[in-house]
Amino acid sequence: MASYLGLEKNISYWTIPTALILALSPRVYTGFRGPGKNIFDPGNPRTFTARLQSSDIDKNLKARLQRAEAVVANGFETLGLYAAAVTAGNAAHVSADTMNTLALCYLASRLLYTWIYIWGQENRKIRPLRTIVWCVGIILTMNMFIKAGSGI
């Protein structure tokens, strides 16, 4: 797939900072620019969820902002594993095409996961997709480890 996009050079290492930006992007929505900006304290960001809980904003908006904060936490929880997988794949000389494909698909899964978790949870039909998309991202990550260990 990556070769069809003209990505013969290995860009997988560049996807690690991109994954970090994706992990942080919901914070822009929740606190810096979005509807929670009046509640968010940039000097003490870890108090946001407690401050949000005691706020008088709309119940649905509050739930959406709480889910956005959960996406940030989940992004950081998976980032180390993903960075290790990219490093392992590259150290084992897994082909650039394979690493690029796995890495770009991982980023796509994180982007979709973020949307589903924040906005899609309000639709009962979309809710189950959150876990499926998360699993796809983890499978892609584990695939990098497997290919590194197999020398593929």
Protein backbone atom coordinates (compact mmCIF):
# COMPACT_ATOMS: atom_id res chain seq x y z
CA MET A 1 0.00 0.00 0.00
CA ALA A 2 2.72 2.47 0.95
CA SER A 3 4.46 2.03 -2.41
CA TYR A 4 1.22 3.02 -4.15
CA LEU A 5 1.39 6.26 -2.20
CA GLY A 6 4.97 6.90 -3.29
CA LEU A 7 6.36 6.11 0.16
CA GLU A 8 9.31 3.91 -0.71
CA LYS A 9 11.36 5.65 1.99
CA ASN A 10 10.74 4.58 5.54
CA ILE A 11 8.56 7.15 7.28
CA SER A 12 7.52 4.93 10.19
CA TYR A 13 9.70 6.78 12.71
CA TRP A 14 7.93 10.01 11.74
CA THR A 15 4.63 8.47 12.73
CA ILE A 16 5.67 8.40 16.39
CA PRO A 17 5.52 12.21 16.82
CA THR A 18 2.36 12.14 14.71
CA ALA A 19 0.85 9.61 17.13
CA LEU A 20 1.80 11.95 19.99
CA ILE A 21 0.02 14.84 18.28
CA LEU A 22 -3.03 12.62 17.73
CA ALA A 23 -2.98 11.69 21.42
CA LEU A 24 -2.89 15.35 22.45
CA SER A 25 -5.35 16.70 19.87
CA PRO A 26 -8.52 16.04 21.93
CA ARG A 27 -7.06 18.34 24.60
CA VAL A 28 -7.37 21.20 22.10
CA TYR A 29 -11.07 20.38 21.83
CA THR A 30 -11.62 19.98 25.56
CA GLY A 31 -9.61 22.77 27.03
CA PHE A 32 -7.62 25.09 24.87
CA ARG A 33 -10.09 26.07 22.15
CA GLY A 34 -13.21 24.02 22.65
CA PRO A 35 -16.26 24.20 24.86
CA GLY A 36 -14.32 23.37 28.03
CA LYS A 37 -11.86 26.26 27.74
CA ASN A 38 -13.50 28.20 30.59
CA ILE A 39 -13.17 25.19 32.90
CA PHE A 40 -9.69 24.08 31.84
CA ASP A 41 -6.74 25.34 33.90
CA PRO A 42 -3.55 25.08 31.81
CA GLY A 43 -1.51 25.52 34.98
CA ASN A 44 -3.09 22.43 36.51
CA PRO A 45 -4.50 20.30 33.67
CA ARG A 46 -5.00 17.16 35.77
CA THR A 47 -7.82 18.86 37.68
CA PHE A 48 -9.87 19.29 34.51
CA THR A 49 -12.06 16.22 34.95
CA ALA A 50 -12.87 17.14 38.57
CA ARG A 51 -13.62 20.73 37.58
CA LEU A 52 -15.71 19.45 34.70
CA GLN A 53 -17.69 17.17 37.01
CA SER A 54 -18.67 20.09 39.23
CA SER A 55 -19.48 22.44 36.33
CA ASP A 56 -22.98 23.33 35.26
CA ILE A 57 -22.59 22.70 31.54
CA ASP A 58 -24.95 20.53 29.49
CA LYS A 59 -24.96 16.84 30.46
CA ASN A 60 -24.22 15.60 26.91
CA LEU A 61 -21.41 18.11 26.42
CA LYS A 62 -19.93 17.17 29.78
CA ALA A 63 -19.96 13.48 28.80
CA ARG A 64 -18.32 14.30 25.46
CA LEU A 65 -15.58 16.32 27.16
CA GLN A 66 -14.97 13.50 29.65
CA ARG A 67 -14.65 11.03 26.79
CA ALA A 68 -12.21 13.36 25.03
CA GLU A 69 -10.05 13.38 28.15
CA ALA A 70 -10.25 9.57 28.21
CA VAL A 71 -9.01 9.52 24.59
CA VAL A 72 -6.00 11.61 25.63
CA ALA A 73 -5.21 9.16 28.45
CA ASN A 74 -5.68 6.16 26.16
CA GLY A 75 -3.45 7.73 23.53
CA PHE A 76 -0.64 8.04 26.05
CA GLU A 77 -1.24 4.52 27.34
CA THR A 78 -0.71 3.05 23.86
CA LEU A 79 1.98 5.46 22.63
CA GLY A 80 4.90 3.73 24.38
CA LEU A 81 3.93 0.33 23.02
CA TYR A 82 3.55 1.76 19.53
CA ALA A 83 6.91 3.58 19.66
CA ALA A 84 8.60 0.38 20.86
CA ALA A 85 6.99 -1.59 18.02
CA VAL A 86 8.17 0.90 15.39
CA THR A 87 11.66 0.83 16.87
CA ALA A 88 11.72 -2.98 17.00
CA GLY A 89 10.53 -3.27 13.41
CA ASN A 90 13.15 -0.87 12.16
CA ALA A 91 15.93 -2.42 14.24
CA ALA A 92 15.04 -5.81 12.72
CA HIS A 93 15.13 -4.27 9.22
CA VAL A 94 11.49 -4.98 8.42
CA SER A 95 10.88 -3.57 4.95
CA ALA A 96 10.01 0.11 4.63
CA ASP A 97 6.86 -0.77 2.70
CA THR A 98 5.63 -3.02 5.51
CA MET A 99 6.55 -0.58 8.29
CA ASN A 100 4.97 2.35 6.46
CA THR A 101 1.77 0.40 5.82
CA LEU A 102 1.46 -0.77 9.42
CA ALA A 103 2.34 2.66 10.81
CA LEU A 104 -0.07 4.59 8.58
CA CYS A 105 -2.85 2.12 9.28
CA TYR A 106 -2.17 2.50 13.00
CA LEU A 107 -2.50 6.29 12.71
CA ALA A 108 -5.73 5.87 10.78
CA SER A 109 -7.06 3.56 13.49
CA ARG A 110 -6.18 6.11 16.18
CA LEU A 111 -7.88 8.89 14.26
CA LEU A 112 -11.02 6.81 13.81
CA TYR A 113 -10.88 5.66 17.45
CA THR A 114 -10.71 9.29 18.60
CA TRP A 115 -13.76 10.27 16.57
CA ILE A 116 -15.77 7.22 17.63
CA TYR A 117 -14.90 7.67 21.31
CA ILE A 118 -15.70 11.39 21.49
CA TRP A 119 -18.64 11.79 19.12
CA GLY A 120 -19.71 8.31 18.06
CA GLN A 121 -20.58 7.08 21.55
CA GLU A 122 -23.78 9.10 21.38
CA ASN A 123 -25.03 6.68 18.70
CA ARG A 124 -25.80 3.17 20.02
CA LYS A 125 -25.06 1.61 16.64
CA ILE A 126 -21.55 3.08 16.52
CA ARG A 127 -20.58 2.39 20.16
CA PRO A 128 -19.33 -1.20 19.63
CA LEU A 129 -16.94 -0.01 16.93
CA ARG A 130 -14.79 1.75 19.52
CA THR A 131 -13.44 -1.52 20.92
CA ILE A 132 -13.06 -3.05 17.48
CA VAL A 133 -11.05 -0.07 16.20
CA TRP A 134 -8.89 -0.07 19.36
CA CYS A 135 -8.18 -3.77 18.81
CA VAL A 136 -7.21 -3.10 15.19
CA GLY A 137 -4.64 -0.54 16.39
CA ILE A 138 -3.19 -3.00 18.90
CA ILE A 139 -3.11 -5.80 16.30
CA LEU A 140 -1.20 -3.51 13.93
CA THR A 141 1.25 -2.71 16.73
CA MET A 142 1.71 -6.36 17.67
CA ASN A 143 2.17 -7.18 13.98
CA MET A 144 5.26 -4.92 13.99
CA PHE A 145 6.69 -6.90 16.93
CA ILE A 146 5.89 -10.22 15.25
CA LYS A 147 7.54 -9.16 12.00
CA ALA A 148 10.56 -7.89 13.93
CA GLY A 149 10.86 -11.16 15.84
CA SER A 150 10.40 -13.21 12.69
CA GLY A 151 12.95 -11.23 10.76
CA ILE A 152 10.42 -10.48 8.02
